[in-house]
């Protein structure tokens, strides 16, 4: 009997034939590893492009510093905002596996186009000697020369978005959280997931960036295209051992229906007992009183009281659907405070790389490419990701007596603090650099930029893993890919906000802070602005995080979570967080996971 239970999957997963899966033959770390190979390849492509693209735009296409920075951040923003579209397709129609396979193929096509755009001589303006010619004498790339580059970047952004929004969700599908052994493995999945993709980033900013600068852009991007093609083949090879979750229809439709019915029934009184709400007795999610106005979508009025009509989703929603929409709404406040972290992070792809390009980059007799300085960012990420799993989490478990060690929002908070400190270091280094004599500037080692890479990288190790875990575990099961897309959209908004801040700063200062020649600008003031915004953002995050109540995991469908202090739909009236030991009784007498 025990053997039968251990082999049966209880979370609705099926095999590639559509039959209930056998846990002993499917899923686990082998399946998750094959899936992570696709994200590894996507990371190699995207980071190999974004971390060194600004030097190509400025040095080869003769574009201005601010325009080049905005092209890079807009590319990264589009990549992440389109993840909402990739997540929507997976949840509503295609499923995660098919979505990943299709979009990985699109990404491979995009990198191939980029290879051609950078390798064909006619796609670039006449070469300009930036040391002897003024900016006015250099001819910028024309619209026709930039067209193929933009098409390639757009195609990569589209392809990468479908991978990023589904890989983590599809990987987590390979673990059955109702199985104690697999649930324990799940705790480490997100940490190892990010460790894996950081390895890809490390390869991109060392080997690939060197090939791009010293051998040729075409060779560097060609290797990226080949890597993505191999990843698609490896992904398909594991088709028999994956666990699949069937698409459950458009999550946007569910959200729209619940909101529509809640507004339609707004004048109906609440039932005396929530047990009279539609589907209360067999709800997959515990009922809560937060955002109580949405409960009216599940009221069984005269039009929806018959057995036939109560199953019509356009007449009445179920408590499960209402609570799932509440979960999505509950993610939005935390989402909004994650945006600024990625605005800070984007500086590591743009202005910091430009700083490195005009500083002394010699290491012994080797001239380190400016784009390769991002290696310190990923070394920091790998270091702190390893420390999280081997040191920080075990120590935190002993202190808090929480099996998770650090909760997801605690990780995010630590990441926000590191990002603010990183910008302080950036401002100090740039101020000291600009105060030097012109000859001393050229001799100043670019390795003075290492602390800011290290600090922001440490912040990413905490923030990325924490945000990813939060948005996947706190979202409804039927909206897992969409919630990953929501997380990635915070990255997108961060990159777009960077573009907006650069543009507004340029306008407000008449171009005196962010000049094409950084030696004549005041970049440290821009970094200082980010420090102030980051500190304010952290204070807001603290307020929201301490009021957030984590979702009940493995709900048995017979309980109810009540919070009598919350009686309306005010977005700030979220429920209080569990006690620090995580032992507060949840629905049906179970402890919250």
Protein backbone atom coordinates (compact mmCIF):
# COMPACT_ATOMS: atom_id res chain seq x y z
CA UNK A 1 0.00 0.00 0.00
CA UNK A 2 2.81 2.39 0.87
CA UNK A 3 4.59 1.56 -2.39
CA UNK A 4 1.46 2.35 -4.41
CA UNK A 5 1.08 5.74 -2.78
CA UNK A 6 4.71 6.68 -3.35
CA UNK A 7 4.44 5.94 -7.06
CA UNK A 8 1.21 7.83 -7.67
CA UNK A 9 1.24 11.51 -8.48
CA UNK A 10 -1.50 13.47 -6.69
CA UNK A 11 -1.19 16.88 -8.36
CA UNK A 12 -2.96 16.08 -11.64
CA UNK A 13 0.16 15.56 -13.75
CA UNK A 14 0.02 13.32 -16.85
CA UNK A 15 2.61 11.66 -19.04
CA UNK A 16 3.18 12.39 -22.74
CA UNK A 17 0.30 10.05 -23.63
CA UNK A 18 -2.11 11.90 -21.34
CA UNK A 19 -2.25 9.17 -18.69
CA UNK A 20 -1.73 9.76 -14.93
CA UNK A 21 2.02 9.69 -14.30
CA UNK A 22 4.07 7.20 -12.33
CA UNK A 23 6.40 9.17 -10.06
CA UNK A 24 9.04 6.44 -10.19
CA UNK A 25 9.40 6.73 -13.97
CA UNK A 26 8.87 10.42 -14.65
CA UNK A 27 9.89 13.82 -13.35
CA UNK A 28 12.51 14.47 -10.69
CA UNK A 29 15.92 16.03 -11.19
CA UNK A 30 16.66 14.26 -14.49
CA UNK A 31 13.60 15.76 -16.19
CA UNK A 32 14.16 19.13 -14.52
CA UNK A 33 17.79 19.11 -15.68
CA UNK A 34 16.85 18.63 -19.34
CA UNK A 35 14.37 21.49 -19.05
CA UNK A 36 16.92 23.77 -17.42
CA UNK A 37 19.20 23.17 -20.41
CA UNK A 38 16.84 25.31 -22.49
CA UNK A 39 16.97 28.17 -20.01
CA UNK A 40 20.74 27.80 -19.84
CA UNK A 41 20.94 28.30 -23.61
CA UNK A 42 18.51 31.23 -23.54
CA UNK A 43 20.65 32.84 -20.88
CA UNK A 44 23.81 32.35 -22.95
CA UNK A 45 22.13 34.02 -25.93
CA UNK A 46 20.49 36.92 -24.10
CA UNK A 47 23.33 37.76 -21.72
CA UNK A 48 25.93 37.35 -24.48
CA UNK A 49 23.97 39.99 -26.41
CA UNK A 50 22.82 42.44 -23.72
CA UNK A 51 26.04 42.65 -21.72
CA UNK A 52 28.14 43.68 -24.73
CA UNK A 53 25.60 45.21 -27.11
CA UNK A 54 26.15 48.77 -25.88
CA UNK A 55 29.83 48.68 -26.95
CA UNK A 56 28.78 47.54 -30.45
CA UNK A 57 26.16 50.28 -30.76
CA UNK A 58 28.56 53.01 -29.63
CA UNK A 59 31.79 51.70 -31.16
CA UNK A 60 30.62 50.14 -34.45
CA UNK A 61 27.28 51.83 -35.23
CA UNK A 62 28.39 55.23 -33.82
CA UNK A 63 25.21 55.79 -31.81
CA UNK A 64 25.13 58.12 -28.77
CA UNK A 65 25.62 56.72 -25.26
CA UNK A 66 22.08 57.52 -24.08
CA UNK A 67 20.46 56.11 -27.25
CA UNK A 68 22.58 52.95 -27.03
CA UNK A 69 21.68 52.48 -23.36
CA UNK A 70 17.99 52.85 -24.17
CA UNK A 71 18.18 50.30 -27.02
CA UNK A 72 19.70 47.74 -24.63
CA UNK A 73 17.21 48.39 -21.82
CA UNK A 74 14.25 48.42 -24.26
CA UNK A 75 15.41 45.07 -25.66
CA UNK A 76 15.59 43.58 -22.17
CA UNK A 77 12.28 45.20 -21.28
CA UNK A 78 10.52 43.76 -24.34
CA UNK A 79 11.99 40.31 -23.62
CA UNK A 80 10.49 40.29 -20.15
CA UNK A 81 7.16 42.03 -20.81
CA UNK A 82 6.42 39.58 -23.64
CA UNK A 83 6.75 36.81 -21.03
CA UNK A 84 3.14 37.62 -20.09
CA UNK A 85 2.13 36.59 -23.61
CA UNK A 86 4.19 33.39 -23.43
CA UNK A 87 2.68 32.52 -20.07
CA UNK A 88 -0.84 33.21 -21.34
CA UNK A 89 -0.38 30.87 -24.32
CA UNK A 90 0.96 28.08 -22.10
CA UNK A 91 -1.80 28.32 -19.49
CA UNK A 92 -4.65 28.73 -21.95
CA UNK A 93 -3.80 26.69 -25.07
CA UNK A 94 -0.42 25.12 -25.71
CA UNK A 95 0.85 23.86 -22.37
CA UNK A 96 4.32 24.63 -21.04
CA UNK A 97 6.31 22.03 -23.01
CA UNK A 98 4.97 22.97 -26.44
CA UNK A 99 5.30 26.68 -25.70
CA UNK A 100 8.96 26.27 -24.69
CA UNK A 101 9.76 24.18 -27.80
CA UNK A 102 8.12 26.68 -30.20
CA UNK A 103 9.58 29.83 -28.65
CA UNK A 104 13.06 28.31 -28.33
CA UNK A 105 12.96 27.71 -32.09
CA UNK A 106 11.92 31.34 -32.65
CA UNK A 107 14.82 32.48 -30.44
CA UNK A 108 17.27 30.42 -32.54
CA UNK A 109 15.99 32.15 -35.69
CA UNK A 110 16.42 35.57 -34.05
CA UNK A 111 20.04 34.93 -33.03
CA UNK A 112 20.76 33.70 -36.57
CA UNK A 113 19.39 37.00 -37.94
CA UNK A 114 21.53 38.92 -35.45
CA UNK A 115 24.58 36.99 -36.62
CA UNK A 116 23.90 38.13 -40.19
CA UNK A 117 23.15 41.73 -39.12
CA UNK A 118 26.53 42.07 -37.40
CA UNK A 119 28.60 40.04 -39.86
CA UNK A 120 27.51 41.65 -43.15
CA UNK A 121 29.72 44.74 -43.80
CA UNK A 122 26.95 46.72 -45.50
CA UNK A 123 24.92 46.63 -42.23
CA UNK A 124 27.43 49.01 -40.57
CA UNK A 125 28.42 52.65 -41.25
CA UNK A 126 32.01 53.61 -42.17
CA UNK A 127 34.44 52.80 -39.38
CA UNK A 128 35.14 55.74 -37.07
CA UNK A 129 38.30 56.31 -35.05
CA UNK A 130 36.80 57.60 -31.81
CA UNK A 131 40.21 58.65 -30.49
CA UNK A 132 40.97 61.04 -33.38
CA UNK A 133 37.55 61.99 -34.75
CA UNK A 134 34.84 64.01 -33.04
CA UNK A 135 31.34 62.67 -32.57
CA UNK A 136 30.11 64.99 -35.34
CA UNK A 137 32.59 63.50 -37.84
CA UNK A 138 31.41 59.93 -37.14
CA UNK A 139 28.51 58.78 -39.34
CA UNK A 140 25.71 57.07 -37.41
CA UNK A 141 24.13 53.87 -38.73
CA UNK A 142 21.20 54.61 -41.04
CA UNK A 143 17.65 53.42 -40.53
CA UNK A 144 18.06 50.68 -43.14
CA UNK A 145 21.25 49.45 -41.44
CA UNK A 146 19.50 49.36 -38.08
CA UNK A 147 16.35 47.68 -39.46
CA UNK A 148 17.75 44.15 -39.56
CA UNK A 149 19.29 44.62 -36.10
CA UNK A 150 15.92 45.68 -34.68
CA UNK A 151 14.11 42.74 -36.37
CA UNK A 152 16.70 40.33 -34.94
CA UNK A 153 16.45 41.77 -31.42
CA UNK A 154 12.63 41.72 -31.57
CA UNK A 155 12.62 38.07 -32.68
CA UNK A 156 15.04 37.12 -29.88
CA UNK A 157 12.88 39.01 -27.37
CA UNK A 158 9.77 37.14 -28.52
CA UNK A 159 11.46 33.74 -28.47
CA UNK A 160 13.19 34.29 -25.15
CA UNK A 161 9.96 35.46 -23.53
CA UNK A 162 8.21 32.13 -24.11
CA UNK A 163 11.17 30.26 -22.63
CA UNK A 164 11.59 32.46 -19.55
CA UNK A 165 7.90 32.43 -18.61
CA UNK A 166 7.57 28.64 -18.71
CA UNK A 167 10.89 26.96 -17.92
CA UNK A 168 10.73 27.50 -14.16
CA UNK A 169 7.07 26.46 -14.04
CA UNK A 170 7.63 23.38 -16.22
CA UNK A 171 10.68 22.49 -14.12
CA UNK A 172 8.70 22.77 -10.88
CA UNK A 173 5.99 20.55 -12.45
CA UNK A 174 8.52 17.71 -12.26
CA UNK A 175 8.15 17.63 -8.45
CA UNK A 176 5.01 16.44 -6.63
CA UNK A 177 4.65 18.62 -3.52
CA UNK A 178 2.24 16.06 -1.99
CA UNK A 179 5.23 13.67 -1.81
CA UNK A 180 7.40 14.65 1.23
CA UNK A 181 10.65 13.66 -0.50
CA UNK A 182 9.87 15.61 -3.67
CA UNK A 183 8.50 18.55 -1.69
CA UNK A 184 11.88 18.78 0.04
CA UNK A 185 13.64 18.72 -3.35
CA UNK A 186 11.31 21.50 -4.49
CA UNK A 187 12.76 23.79 -1.78
CA UNK A 188 16.12 23.65 -3.56
CA UNK A 189 14.79 23.74 -7.13
CA UNK A 190 14.55 27.52 -7.53
CA UNK A 191 17.97 28.06 -6.00
CA UNK A 192 19.62 25.48 -8.28
CA UNK A 193 17.62 26.80 -11.22
CA UNK A 194 19.18 30.21 -10.82
CA UNK A 195 22.62 28.77 -10.13
CA UNK A 196 22.33 26.94 -13.45
CA UNK A 197 21.29 29.98 -15.48
CA UNK A 198 23.99 32.07 -13.81
CA UNK A 199 26.56 29.58 -15.12
CA UNK A 200 25.21 30.29 -18.60
CA UNK A 201 25.56 34.02 -17.97
CA UNK A 202 29.12 33.52 -16.75
CA UNK A 203 30.01 31.67 -19.94
CA UNK A 204 28.36 34.42 -22.01
CA UNK A 205 30.24 37.33 -20.45
CA UNK A 206 33.63 35.60 -20.55
CA UNK A 207 34.04 33.27 -23.52
CA UNK A 208 31.35 34.74 -25.81
CA UNK A 209 32.16 38.38 -25.13
CA UNK A 210 35.85 37.70 -25.79
CA UNK A 211 34.99 35.98 -29.10
CA UNK A 212 32.74 38.90 -30.07
CA UNK A 213 35.44 41.50 -29.39
CA UNK A 214 38.55 39.65 -30.55
CA UNK A 215 37.31 37.25 -33.26
CA UNK A 216 34.11 38.85 -34.53
CA UNK A 217 30.50 39.49 -33.59
CA UNK A 218 29.32 37.03 -36.22
CA UNK A 219 31.29 34.19 -34.62
CA UNK A 220 30.05 35.05 -31.13
CA UNK A 221 26.39 35.23 -32.09
CA UNK A 222 26.75 32.19 -34.37
CA UNK A 223 27.83 30.10 -31.36
CA UNK A 224 24.76 31.37 -29.48
CA UNK A 225 22.47 30.31 -32.34
CA UNK A 226 24.03 26.83 -32.41
CA UNK A 227 23.64 26.51 -28.64
CA UNK A 228 19.93 27.28 -28.85
CA UNK A 229 19.39 24.71 -31.63
CA UNK A 230 21.09 22.04 -29.49
CA UNK A 231 18.89 23.02 -26.52
CA UNK A 232 15.71 22.45 -28.57
CA UNK A 233 16.93 18.97 -29.54
CA UNK A 234 17.80 18.10 -25.90
CA UNK A 235 14.41 19.36 -24.71
CA UNK A 236 12.55 17.15 -27.20
CA UNK A 237 14.67 14.11 -26.23
CA UNK A 238 13.12 14.13 -22.75
CA UNK A 239 9.52 14.07 -23.95
CA UNK A 240 8.87 10.61 -22.44
CA UNK A 241 10.08 11.39 -18.92
CA UNK A 242 8.41 14.76 -18.32
CA UNK A 243 5.33 15.34 -16.21
CA UNK A 244 2.80 17.58 -17.92
CA UNK A 245 0.00 19.77 -16.61
CA UNK A 246 -2.91 20.23 -19.00
CA UNK A 247 -3.86 23.82 -19.92
CA UNK A 248 -6.91 24.90 -17.93
CA UNK A 249 -8.18 27.65 -20.20
CA UNK A 250 -7.38 31.32 -20.38
CA UNK A 251 -6.60 32.72 -16.91
CA UNK A 252 -7.43 36.20 -18.21
CA UNK A 253 -10.94 35.00 -19.03
CA UNK A 254 -11.36 33.70 -15.47
CA UNK A 255 -10.19 37.03 -14.03
CA UNK A 256 -12.47 39.00 -16.34
CA UNK A 257 -15.52 36.84 -15.50
CA UNK A 258 -15.02 37.11 -11.75
CA UNK A 259 -14.62 40.91 -11.89
CA UNK A 260 -17.60 41.25 -14.26
CA UNK A 261 -19.91 39.13 -12.08
CA UNK A 262 -18.76 40.87 -8.88
CA UNK A 263 -19.70 44.23 -10.39
CA UNK A 264 -22.96 42.85 -11.78
CA UNK A 265 -23.98 41.45 -8.35
CA UNK A 266 -22.66 44.38 -6.32
CA UNK A 267 -26.14 45.24 -4.97
CA UNK A 268 -26.85 41.71 -3.75
CA UNK A 269 -26.38 41.18 0.01
CA UNK A 270 -23.71 38.78 1.24
CA UNK A 271 -25.08 35.40 2.37
CA UNK A 272 -25.30 34.89 6.15
CA UNK A 273 -22.84 31.99 5.86
CA UNK A 274 -20.05 31.74 3.24
CA UNK A 275 -21.01 28.07 2.88
CA UNK A 276 -23.88 29.23 0.66
CA UNK A 277 -21.47 30.56 -1.96
CA UNK A 278 -21.17 28.52 -5.16
CA UNK A 279 -18.72 25.62 -4.90
CA UNK A 280 -17.78 26.35 -1.28
CA UNK A 281 -17.93 22.71 -0.11
CA UNK A 282 -15.58 21.37 -2.79
CA UNK A 283 -13.33 24.41 -3.27
CA UNK A 284 -9.69 23.67 -4.12
CA UNK A 285 -8.66 26.88 -2.35
CA UNK A 286 -9.60 28.00 1.19
CA UNK A 287 -12.08 30.85 1.39
CA UNK A 288 -10.79 34.14 2.77
CA UNK A 289 -12.49 37.45 3.55
CA UNK A 290 -9.83 39.58 1.88
CA UNK A 291 -11.16 41.53 -1.13
CA UNK A 292 -14.58 40.41 0.05
CA UNK A 293 -16.43 42.30 -2.68
CA UNK A 294 -15.25 39.67 -5.19
CA UNK A 295 -17.24 37.01 -3.27
CA UNK A 296 -20.35 38.45 -4.89
CA UNK A 297 -19.29 36.77 -8.13
CA UNK A 298 -20.09 33.42 -6.41
CA UNK A 299 -23.51 34.38 -5.01
CA UNK A 300 -26.24 31.94 -6.03
CA UNK A 301 -29.05 34.34 -6.92
CA UNK A 302 -32.33 33.50 -8.65
CA UNK A 303 -30.66 33.41 -12.09
CA UNK A 304 -28.00 30.90 -11.05
CA UNK A 305 -29.61 28.76 -8.36
CA UNK A 306 -30.47 25.72 -10.47
CA UNK A 307 -28.03 22.82 -10.85
CA UNK A 308 -27.56 23.56 -14.54
CA UNK A 309 -27.02 27.30 -14.22
CA UNK A 310 -24.60 27.15 -11.31
CA UNK A 311 -22.16 25.39 -13.66
CA UNK A 312 -22.37 28.24 -16.20
CA UNK A 313 -19.26 30.41 -15.54
CA UNK A 314 -20.89 33.44 -17.16
CA UNK A 315 -23.76 33.34 -14.64
CA UNK A 316 -21.87 32.53 -11.45
CA UNK A 317 -18.25 31.88 -10.50
CA UNK A 318 -17.04 29.26 -8.06
CA UNK A 319 -15.27 30.03 -4.80
CA UNK A 320 -12.14 28.44 -6.32
CA UNK A 321 -12.17 30.93 -9.21
CA UNK A 322 -12.85 33.88 -6.89
CA UNK A 323 -10.02 32.94 -4.53
CA UNK A 324 -7.62 32.47 -7.44
CA UNK A 325 -8.35 36.00 -8.63
CA UNK A 326 -7.77 37.25 -5.08
CA UNK A 327 -4.37 35.54 -5.12
CA UNK A 328 -3.41 37.36 -8.32
CA UNK A 329 -4.49 40.72 -6.88
CA UNK A 330 -2.48 39.96 -3.74
CA UNK A 331 0.69 39.68 -5.86
CA UNK A 332 0.42 43.18 -7.36
CA UNK A 333 1.69 45.27 -4.39
CA UNK A 334 4.84 43.16 -4.03
CA UNK A 335 5.27 43.19 -7.83
CA UNK A 336 5.30 46.99 -7.86
CA UNK A 337 8.13 47.20 -5.32
CA UNK A 338 10.32 44.75 -7.27
CA UNK A 339 10.53 47.02 -10.33
CA UNK A 340 13.20 49.41 -9.05
CA UNK A 341 15.64 46.59 -8.29
CA UNK A 342 15.82 45.81 -12.01
CA UNK A 343 16.21 49.50 -12.84
CA UNK A 344 19.36 49.42 -10.69
CA UNK A 345 20.45 46.11 -12.23
CA UNK A 346 20.12 47.50 -15.76
CA UNK A 347 22.93 49.97 -15.04
CA UNK A 348 25.31 47.00 -14.94
CA UNK A 349 24.45 46.39 -18.64
CA UNK A 350 24.82 49.98 -19.80
CA UNK A 351 26.63 52.84 -18.07
CA UNK A 352 28.89 50.61 -15.96
CA UNK A 353 30.08 48.84 -19.12
CA UNK A 354 30.71 52.24 -20.72
CA UNK A 355 32.72 53.25 -17.66
CA UNK A 356 34.86 50.13 -18.04
CA UNK A 357 35.41 50.87 -21.74
CA UNK A 358 37.20 54.18 -20.97
CA UNK A 359 39.24 52.91 -18.00
CA UNK A 360 42.43 50.86 -17.81
CA UNK A 361 41.35 47.24 -18.37
CA UNK A 362 44.75 45.60 -18.41
CA UNK A 363 45.22 42.46 -16.33
CA UNK A 364 48.93 41.58 -16.46
CA UNK A 365 49.40 41.70 -20.29
CA UNK A 366 45.79 40.89 -21.17
CA UNK A 367 43.30 43.63 -22.08
CA UNK A 368 39.95 42.54 -20.58
CA UNK A 369 36.93 43.35 -22.82
CA UNK A 370 34.60 45.90 -21.20
CA UNK A 371 31.62 43.54 -21.52
CA UNK A 372 33.52 40.83 -19.66
CA UNK A 373 33.54 42.85 -16.44
CA UNK A 374 30.02 41.47 -15.91
CA UNK A 375 31.81 38.26 -14.94
CA UNK A 376 32.11 39.72 -11.43
CA UNK A 377 28.34 40.14 -11.35
CA UNK A 378 27.80 36.45 -12.06
CA UNK A 379 30.62 35.25 -9.83
CA UNK A 380 28.86 37.09 -7.03
CA UNK A 381 25.53 35.52 -8.00
CA UNK A 382 27.03 32.02 -8.07
CA UNK A 383 28.81 32.60 -4.76
CA UNK A 384 25.74 33.82 -2.90
CA UNK A 385 23.45 31.25 -4.53
CA UNK A 386 25.77 28.53 -3.20
CA UNK A 387 26.00 30.20 0.21
CA UNK A 388 22.19 30.43 0.31
CA UNK A 389 21.81 26.67 -0.03
CA UNK A 390 24.78 25.50 2.03
CA UNK A 391 25.12 28.14 4.76
CA UNK A 392 22.45 30.85 4.93
CA UNK A 393 19.33 28.64 4.69
CA UNK A 394 20.55 26.02 7.25
CA UNK A 395 21.53 28.78 9.71
CA UNK A 396 18.22 30.59 9.15
CA UNK A 397 16.33 27.34 9.83
CA UNK A 398 17.96 27.05 13.24
CA UNK A 399 17.23 30.67 14.10
CA UNK A 400 13.63 30.89 12.84
CA UNK A 401 12.66 27.19 13.17
CA UNK A 402 11.07 27.61 9.76
CA UNK A 403 11.70 24.63 7.38
CA UNK A 404 12.26 27.09 4.53
CA UNK A 405 14.93 29.01 6.42
CA UNK A 406 14.34 32.24 4.50
CA UNK A 407 10.88 33.03 3.17
CA UNK A 408 10.68 34.36 -0.37
CA UNK A 409 9.93 37.95 0.68
CA UNK A 410 12.83 37.95 3.12
CA UNK A 411 15.11 37.08 0.22
CA UNK A 412 13.66 39.91 -1.87
CA UNK A 413 14.17 42.40 0.97
CA UNK A 414 17.84 41.42 1.32
CA UNK A 415 18.26 41.83 -2.44
CA UNK A 416 16.79 45.35 -2.34
CA UNK A 417 19.24 46.37 0.41
CA UNK A 418 22.22 45.08 -1.60
CA UNK A 419 21.06 47.00 -4.69
CA UNK A 420 20.95 50.31 -2.79
CA UNK A 421 24.45 49.71 -1.34
CA UNK A 422 25.65 48.81 -4.85
CA UNK A 423 24.48 52.17 -6.21
CA UNK A 424 26.20 53.99 -3.33
CA UNK A 425 29.46 52.25 -4.30
CA UNK A 426 28.85 53.18 -7.97
CA UNK A 427 28.37 56.85 -7.14
CA UNK A 428 31.49 57.00 -4.95
CA UNK A 429 33.75 55.35 -7.57
CA UNK A 430 32.49 57.53 -10.42
CA UNK A 431 32.84 60.73 -8.37
CA UNK A 432 36.43 59.85 -7.44
CA UNK A 433 37.21 58.93 -11.07
CA UNK A 434 35.92 62.21 -12.48
CA UNK A 435 37.81 64.29 -9.92
CA UNK A 436 41.10 62.90 -11.22
CA UNK A 437 43.33 64.61 -13.78
CA UNK A 438 42.72 63.59 -17.42
CA UNK A 439 45.88 61.46 -17.59
CA UNK A 440 45.12 59.80 -14.26
CA UNK A 441 41.62 58.91 -15.49
CA UNK A 442 43.06 56.84 -18.32
CA UNK A 443 45.37 55.02 -15.93
CA UNK A 444 42.68 54.27 -13.32
CA UNK A 445 42.02 50.53 -13.21
CA UNK A 446 38.56 49.40 -14.29
CA UNK A 447 38.73 46.86 -11.46
CA UNK A 448 37.56 49.65 -9.14
CA UNK A 449 34.11 48.84 -10.64
CA UNK A 450 34.21 45.32 -9.17
CA UNK A 451 32.52 46.26 -5.82
CA UNK A 452 29.37 47.55 -7.53
CA UNK A 453 29.17 44.44 -9.72
CA UNK A 454 29.69 42.28 -6.63
CA UNK A 455 27.03 44.05 -4.53
CA UNK A 456 24.35 44.14 -7.24
CA UNK A 457 25.14 40.50 -8.08
CA UNK A 458 24.65 39.52 -4.44
CA UNK A 459 21.36 41.40 -4.50
CA UNK A 460 20.25 39.54 -7.61
CA UNK A 461 21.08 36.17 -6.01
CA UNK A 462 18.57 36.95 -3.29
CA UNK A 463 16.01 39.03 -5.20
CA UNK A 464 15.65 36.87 -8.33
CA UNK A 465 15.27 33.59 -6.45
CA UNK A 466 12.94 35.19 -3.91
CA UNK A 467 10.73 36.83 -6.53
CA UNK A 468 10.59 33.71 -8.70
CA UNK A 469 9.60 31.50 -5.76
CA UNK A 470 7.07 34.05 -4.53
CA UNK A 471 5.27 34.47 -7.84
CA UNK A 472 5.16 30.74 -8.61
CA UNK A 473 4.20 29.42 -5.17
CA UNK A 474 1.79 32.22 -4.28
CA UNK A 475 -0.09 32.14 -7.58
CA UNK A 476 -3.00 29.80 -8.44
CA UNK A 477 -1.91 26.47 -9.93
CA UNK A 478 -3.88 27.19 -13.12
CA UNK A 479 -1.99 30.47 -13.60
CA UNK A 480 1.59 29.34 -12.86
CA UNK A 481 3.02 30.40 -16.23
CA UNK A 482 1.10 33.67 -16.19
CA UNK A 483 2.43 34.42 -12.71
CA UNK A 484 5.98 33.76 -13.92
CA UNK A 485 5.22 36.20 -16.73
CA UNK A 486 4.02 38.67 -14.10
CA UNK A 487 7.33 38.29 -12.26
CA UNK A 488 9.28 38.80 -15.48
CA UNK A 489 7.18 41.85 -16.27
CA UNK A 490 8.67 43.46 -13.15
CA UNK A 491 12.07 43.01 -14.84
CA UNK A 492 10.62 44.55 -17.99
CA UNK A 493 9.20 47.53 -16.14
CA UNK A 494 12.56 47.96 -14.41
CA UNK A 495 14.40 48.16 -17.74
CA UNK A 496 11.74 50.45 -19.23
CA UNK A 497 11.90 52.64 -16.12
CA UNK A 498 15.66 52.91 -16.65
CA UNK A 499 15.02 54.19 -20.19
CA UNK A 500 12.46 56.69 -18.88
CA UNK A 501 14.77 57.88 -16.09
CA UNK A 502 17.65 58.32 -18.54
CA UNK A 503 15.43 60.34 -20.90
CA UNK A 504 13.92 62.49 -18.13
CA UNK A 505 17.32 63.06 -16.53
CA UNK A 506 18.74 64.08 -19.90
CA UNK A 507 15.88 66.56 -20.37
CA UNK A 508 15.97 67.94 -16.81
CA UNK A 509 19.75 68.49 -16.81
CA UNK A 510 20.09 69.57 -20.46
CA UNK A 511 22.35 66.61 -21.04
CA UNK A 512 24.88 67.69 -18.41
CA UNK A 513 24.65 64.50 -16.29
CA UNK A 514 24.61 61.81 -18.99
CA UNK A 515 26.92 63.01 -21.75
CA UNK A 516 28.42 61.01 -24.62
CA UNK A 517 31.78 61.67 -22.98
CA UNK A 518 31.36 60.33 -19.44
CA UNK A 519 34.43 62.30 -18.33
CA UNK A 520 32.49 65.53 -18.87
CA UNK A 521 29.20 64.31 -17.37
CA UNK A 522 27.94 63.75 -13.84
CA UNK A 523 26.99 60.07 -13.88
CA UNK A 524 27.47 59.89 -10.09
CA UNK A 525 24.45 62.19 -9.67
CA UNK A 526 22.31 59.75 -11.65
CA UNK A 527 23.52 56.91 -9.42
CA UNK A 528 22.69 59.06 -6.39
CA UNK A 529 19.15 59.52 -7.71
CA UNK A 530 18.80 55.73 -7.88
CA UNK A 531 20.03 55.44 -4.26
CA UNK A 532 17.27 57.79 -3.06
CA UNK A 533 14.58 56.04 -5.08
CA UNK A 534 15.84 52.62 -3.95
CA UNK A 535 15.71 53.58 -0.26
CA UNK A 536 12.13 54.87 -0.53
CA UNK A 537 11.15 51.76 -2.46
CA UNK A 538 12.63 49.50 0.27
CA UNK A 539 10.58 51.23 2.97
CA UNK A 540 7.39 50.69 0.96
CA UNK A 541 8.36 47.03 0.41
CA UNK A 542 8.82 46.51 4.17
CA UNK A 543 5.30 47.73 4.87
CA UNK A 544 3.75 45.50 2.20
CA UNK A 545 5.86 42.43 3.01
CA UNK A 546 5.04 42.46 6.71
CA UNK A 547 1.31 42.56 5.86
CA UNK A 548 1.40 39.73 3.32
CA UNK A 549 -0.07 36.35 4.30
CA UNK A 550 1.44 33.35 2.49
CA UNK A 551 -0.85 31.02 0.56
CA UNK A 552 -2.00 27.77 2.16
CA UNK A 553 -0.34 24.84 0.37
CA UNK A 554 -2.01 21.43 -0.09
CA UNK A 555 -5.45 22.63 0.97
CA UNK A 556 -7.81 19.68 1.49
CA UNK A 557 -10.95 21.46 0.35
CA UNK A 558 -12.76 21.30 3.69
CA UNK A 559 -11.44 24.32 5.53
CA UNK A 560 -11.86 28.04 5.74
CA UNK A 561 -9.44 30.84 6.45
CA UNK A 562 -11.05 33.84 8.07
CA UNK A 563 -9.71 37.28 8.80
CA UNK A 564 -12.41 39.46 10.30
CA UNK A 565 -10.26 42.59 10.08
CA UNK A 566 -10.54 42.68 6.30
CA UNK A 567 -13.95 43.55 4.97
CA UNK A 568 -13.33 45.42 1.75
CA UNK A 569 -11.26 45.47 -1.44
CA UNK A 570 -8.72 48.08 -0.43
CA UNK A 571 -5.43 46.89 -1.95
CA UNK A 572 -3.52 47.91 1.18
CA UNK A 573 -5.64 45.77 3.48
CA UNK A 574 -3.72 42.56 2.94
CA UNK A 575 -3.57 39.96 5.70
CA UNK A 576 -0.84 39.87 8.32
CA UNK A 577 2.12 37.56 7.86
CA UNK A 578 2.34 34.29 9.83
CA UNK A 579 4.31 34.17 13.04
CA UNK A 580 8.04 33.71 12.49
CA UNK A 581 7.96 29.98 13.19
CA UNK A 582 5.41 29.38 10.43
CA UNK A 583 3.23 27.26 12.77
CA UNK A 584 0.01 29.22 12.83
CA UNK A 585 -2.90 26.82 12.18
CA UNK A 586 -4.36 27.27 8.73
CA UNK A 587 -7.50 25.95 7.11
CA UNK A 588 -8.85 22.68 8.42
CA UNK A 589 -6.39 22.63 11.31
CA UNK A 590 -3.38 22.20 9.00
CA UNK A 591 -0.20 24.16 9.42
CA UNK A 592 0.67 26.63 6.72
CA UNK A 593 3.43 25.49 4.38
